[in-house]
Amino acid sequence: MDPEVRAKLNRAHEERVAGNYDAAQQLYHEVIPLLTDGVEVAEARHGLGSALLFAGMFDEGLEEIKRAHEGNPNDAGICLDLAKTHLMLGMYEAAQPQLAEIVERFPNTPEADEAKKQLSYF
């Protein structure tokens, strides 16, 4: 990835973590068209989805998290965030099999441990 693009993506992540969701969203929207690698696009969409969710834009945030998952279905963190977003939105029928899949596909990881905790509530 171009160093300037990486710097902008890192700034977007920093703004999101700092709670500056509007600034983060703007940076993500600027950087996504500049990315060509699917994993990098998924990283940016994951961040954008999180920023949207924290800003209360639940439908848009869920769609971005789904797009991130489609772009990188092998990222345990994205898989877990998709399942947890479904839980947060009361979409339990979608979340439960996703959580079970995380436990199966990513054993002995923090994501699997979290998925097990969430599954214990069902």
C-alpha atoms as a PDB file:
ATOM      1  CA  MET A   1       0.000   0.000   0.000  1.00  0.00           C
ATOM      2  CA  ASP A   2       1.175   3.477  -0.796  1.00  0.00           C
ATOM      3  CA  PRO A   3       2.600   5.060   2.393  1.00  0.00           C
ATOM      4  CA  GLU A   4       0.364   8.133   2.075  1.00  0.00           C
ATOM      5  CA  VAL A   5      -2.726   5.946   1.715  1.00  0.00           C
ATOM      6  CA  ARG A   6      -1.635   3.870   4.739  1.00  0.00           C
ATOM      7  CA  ALA A   7      -1.143   7.072   6.732  1.00  0.00           C
ATOM      8  CA  LYS A   8      -4.654   8.245   5.833  1.00  0.00           C
ATOM      9  CA  LEU A   9      -6.132   4.848   6.739  1.00  0.00           C
ATOM     10  CA  ASN A  10      -4.273   4.909  10.049  1.00  0.00           C
ATOM     11  CA  ARG A  11      -5.619   8.426  10.719  1.00  0.00           C
ATOM     12  CA  ALA A  12      -9.135   7.146  10.027  1.00  0.00           C
ATOM     13  CA  HIS A  13      -8.617   4.362  12.581  1.00  0.00           C
ATOM     14  CA  GLU A  14      -7.247   6.865  15.100  1.00  0.00           C
ATOM     15  CA  GLU A  15     -10.212   9.208  14.630  1.00  0.00           C
ATOM     16  CA  ARG A  16     -12.626   6.291  15.116  1.00  0.00           C
ATOM     17  CA  VAL A  17     -10.889   5.147  18.299  1.00  0.00           C
ATOM     18  CA  ALA A  18     -10.875   8.735  19.591  1.00  0.00           C
ATOM     19  CA  GLY A  19     -14.629   8.953  19.044  1.00  0.00           C
ATOM     20  CA  ASN A  20     -14.448  11.391  16.135  1.00  0.00           C
ATOM     21  CA  TYR A  21     -16.817   9.351  14.017  1.00  0.00           C
ATOM     22  CA  ASP A  22     -17.622  11.990  11.402  1.00  0.00           C
ATOM     23  CA  ALA A  23     -13.929  12.627  10.722  1.00  0.00           C
ATOM     24  CA  ALA A  24     -13.252   8.896  10.622  1.00  0.00           C
ATOM     25  CA  GLN A  25     -16.095   8.293   8.173  1.00  0.00           C
ATOM     26  CA  GLN A  26     -14.826  11.035   5.883  1.00  0.00           C
ATOM     27  CA  LEU A  27     -11.299   9.599   5.887  1.00  0.00           C
ATOM     28  CA  TYR A  28     -12.550   6.062   5.240  1.00  0.00           C
ATOM     29  CA  HIS A  29     -14.654   7.299   2.327  1.00  0.00           C
ATOM     30  CA  GLU A  30     -11.594   9.068   0.899  1.00  0.00           C
ATOM     31  CA  VAL A  31      -9.268   6.112   1.274  1.00  0.00           C
ATOM     32  CA  ILE A  32     -11.486   3.208   0.135  1.00  0.00           C
ATOM     33  CA  PRO A  33     -11.403   4.173  -3.573  1.00  0.00           C
ATOM     34  CA  LEU A  34      -7.600   4.324  -3.384  1.00  0.00           C
ATOM     35  CA  LEU A  35      -7.247   0.720  -2.213  1.00  0.00           C
ATOM     36  CA  THR A  36      -6.822  -2.204  -4.590  1.00  0.00           C
ATOM     37  CA  ASP A  37      -5.985  -5.106  -2.277  1.00  0.00           C
ATOM     38  CA  GLY A  38      -9.093  -6.917  -1.029  1.00  0.00           C
ATOM     39  CA  VAL A  39      -7.745  -7.370   2.488  1.00  0.00           C
ATOM     40  CA  GLU A  40      -6.964  -3.663   2.743  1.00  0.00           C
ATOM     41  CA  VAL A  41     -10.411  -2.738   1.432  1.00  0.00           C
ATOM     42  CA  ALA A  42     -11.939  -5.070   4.033  1.00  0.00           C
ATOM     43  CA  GLU A  43      -9.867  -3.400   6.761  1.00  0.00           C
ATOM     44  CA  ALA A  44     -11.133   0.024   5.719  1.00  0.00           C
ATOM     45  CA  ARG A  45     -14.755  -1.121   5.382  1.00  0.00           C
ATOM     46  CA  HIS A  46     -14.532  -2.761   8.808  1.00  0.00           C
ATOM     47  CA  GLY A  47     -13.356   0.524  10.295  1.00  0.00           C
ATOM     48  CA  LEU A  48     -16.036   2.474   8.442  1.00  0.00           C
ATOM     49  CA  GLY A  49     -18.699   0.055   9.609  1.00  0.00           C
ATOM     50  CA  SER A  50     -17.572   0.430  13.208  1.00  0.00           C
ATOM     51  CA  ALA A  51     -17.572   4.224  12.953  1.00  0.00           C
ATOM     52  CA  LEU A  52     -21.081   4.166  11.499  1.00  0.00           C
ATOM     53  CA  LEU A  53     -22.335   1.849  14.239  1.00  0.00           C
ATOM     54  CA  PHE A  54     -20.840   4.026  16.993  1.00  0.00           C
ATOM     55  CA  ALA A  55     -22.477   7.059  15.367  1.00  0.00           C
ATOM     56  CA  GLY A  56     -25.865   5.318  15.566  1.00  0.00           C
ATOM     57  CA  MET A  57     -26.138   4.563  11.849  1.00  0.00           C
ATOM     58  CA  PHE A  58     -26.971   0.901  12.399  1.00  0.00           C
ATOM     59  CA  ASP A  59     -28.206  -0.152   8.953  1.00  0.00           C
ATOM     60  CA  GLU A  60     -25.278   1.493   7.180  1.00  0.00           C
ATOM     61  CA  GLY A  61     -22.786   0.132   9.706  1.00  0.00           C
ATOM     62  CA  LEU A  62     -24.094  -3.408   9.364  1.00  0.00           C
ATOM     63  CA  GLU A  63     -23.831  -3.187   5.576  1.00  0.00           C
ATOM     64  CA  GLU A  64     -20.202  -2.052   5.757  1.00  0.00           C
ATOM     65  CA  ILE A  65     -19.321  -4.828   8.222  1.00  0.00           C
ATOM     66  CA  LYS A  66     -20.966  -7.321   5.850  1.00  0.00           C
ATOM     67  CA  ARG A  67     -18.941  -5.930   2.945  1.00  0.00           C
ATOM     68  CA  ALA A  68     -15.761  -6.202   5.028  1.00  0.00           C
ATOM     69  CA  HIS A  69     -16.622  -9.830   5.801  1.00  0.00           C
ATOM     70  CA  GLU A  70     -17.265 -10.578   2.134  1.00  0.00           C
ATOM     71  CA  GLY A  71     -13.895  -9.024   1.291  1.00  0.00           C
ATOM     72  CA  ASN A  72     -11.986 -10.961   3.939  1.00  0.00           C
ATOM     73  CA  PRO A  73     -13.967 -13.883   5.378  1.00  0.00           C
ATOM     74  CA  ASN A  74     -10.803 -15.277   6.974  1.00  0.00           C
ATOM     75  CA  ASP A  75     -10.346 -12.385   9.409  1.00  0.00           C
ATOM     76  CA  ALA A  76     -11.555 -13.642  12.784  1.00  0.00           C
ATOM     77  CA  GLY A  77     -12.026 -10.095  14.086  1.00  0.00           C
ATOM     78  CA  ILE A  78     -14.304  -9.118  11.221  1.00  0.00           C
ATOM     79  CA  CYS A  79     -16.259 -12.371  11.628  1.00  0.00           C
ATOM     80  CA  LEU A  80     -16.741 -11.683  15.330  1.00  0.00           C
ATOM     81  CA  ASP A  81     -17.750  -8.075  14.774  1.00  0.00           C
ATOM     82  CA  LEU A  82     -20.346  -9.167  12.215  1.00  0.00           C
ATOM     83  CA  ALA A  83     -21.817 -11.659  14.681  1.00  0.00           C
ATOM     84  CA  LYS A  84     -21.755  -9.122  17.524  1.00  0.00           C
ATOM     85  CA  THR A  85     -23.409  -6.508  15.321  1.00  0.00           C
ATOM     86  CA  HIS A  86     -26.182  -8.971  14.592  1.00  0.00           C
ATOM     87  CA  LEU A  87     -26.521  -9.570  18.338  1.00  0.00           C
ATOM     88  CA  MET A  88     -26.602  -5.848  19.067  1.00  0.00           C
ATOM     89  CA  LEU A  89     -29.379  -5.394  16.519  1.00  0.00           C
ATOM     90  CA  GLY A  90     -31.395  -8.316  17.902  1.00  0.00           C
ATOM     91  CA  MET A  91     -30.730 -10.530  14.886  1.00  0.00           C
ATOM     92  CA  TYR A  92     -30.073 -13.629  16.985  1.00  0.00           C
ATOM     93  CA  GLU A  93     -30.900 -16.133  14.247  1.00  0.00           C
ATOM     94  CA  ALA A  94     -28.090 -14.684  12.130  1.00  0.00           C
ATOM     95  CA  ALA A  95     -25.613 -14.338  15.005  1.00  0.00           C
ATOM     96  CA  GLN A  96     -25.804 -17.818  16.508  1.00  0.00           C
ATOM     97  CA  PRO A  97     -24.464 -19.790  13.515  1.00  0.00           C
ATOM     98  CA  GLN A  98     -21.812 -17.129  12.917  1.00  0.00           C
ATOM     99  CA  LEU A  99     -20.585 -17.478  16.490  1.00  0.00           C
ATOM    100  CA  ALA A 100     -20.504 -21.271  16.189  1.00  0.00           C
ATOM    101  CA  GLU A 101     -18.511 -20.967  12.971  1.00  0.00           C
ATOM    102  CA  ILE A 102     -15.956 -18.712  14.669  1.00  0.00           C
ATOM    103  CA  VAL A 103     -15.423 -21.306  17.400  1.00  0.00           C
ATOM    104  CA  GLU A 104     -14.933 -23.992  14.760  1.00  0.00           C
ATOM    105  CA  ARG A 105     -12.784 -22.047  12.278  1.00  0.00           C
ATOM    106  CA  PHE A 106     -10.624 -20.075  14.693  1.00  0.00           C
ATOM    107  CA  PRO A 107     -10.055 -22.326  17.725  1.00  0.00           C
ATOM    108  CA  ASN A 108      -7.709 -21.199  20.474  1.00  0.00           C
ATOM    109  CA  THR A 109      -8.075 -17.516  19.598  1.00  0.00           C
ATOM    110  CA  PRO A 110      -9.477 -14.609  21.611  1.00  0.00           C
ATOM    111  CA  GLU A 111     -12.266 -14.368  19.010  1.00  0.00           C
ATOM    112  CA  ALA A 112     -13.261 -17.995  19.643  1.00  0.00           C
ATOM    113  CA  ASP A 113     -13.225 -17.368  23.392  1.00  0.00           C
ATOM    114  CA  GLU A 114     -15.528 -14.369  22.947  1.00  0.00           C
ATOM    115  CA  ALA A 115     -17.798 -16.346  20.599  1.00  0.00           C
ATOM    116  CA  LYS A 116     -18.089 -19.108  23.210  1.00  0.00           C
ATOM    117  CA  LYS A 117     -19.104 -16.545  25.830  1.00  0.00           C
ATOM    118  CA  GLN A 118     -21.757 -15.130  23.521  1.00  0.00           C
ATOM    119  CA  LEU A 119     -23.040 -18.615  22.656  1.00  0.00           C
ATOM    120  CA  SER A 120     -23.466 -19.412  26.351  1.00  0.00           C
ATOM    121  CA  TYR A 121     -26.342 -16.907  26.428  1.00  0.00           C
ATOM    122  CA  PHE A 122     -28.389 -18.941  23.944  1.00  0.00           C
END
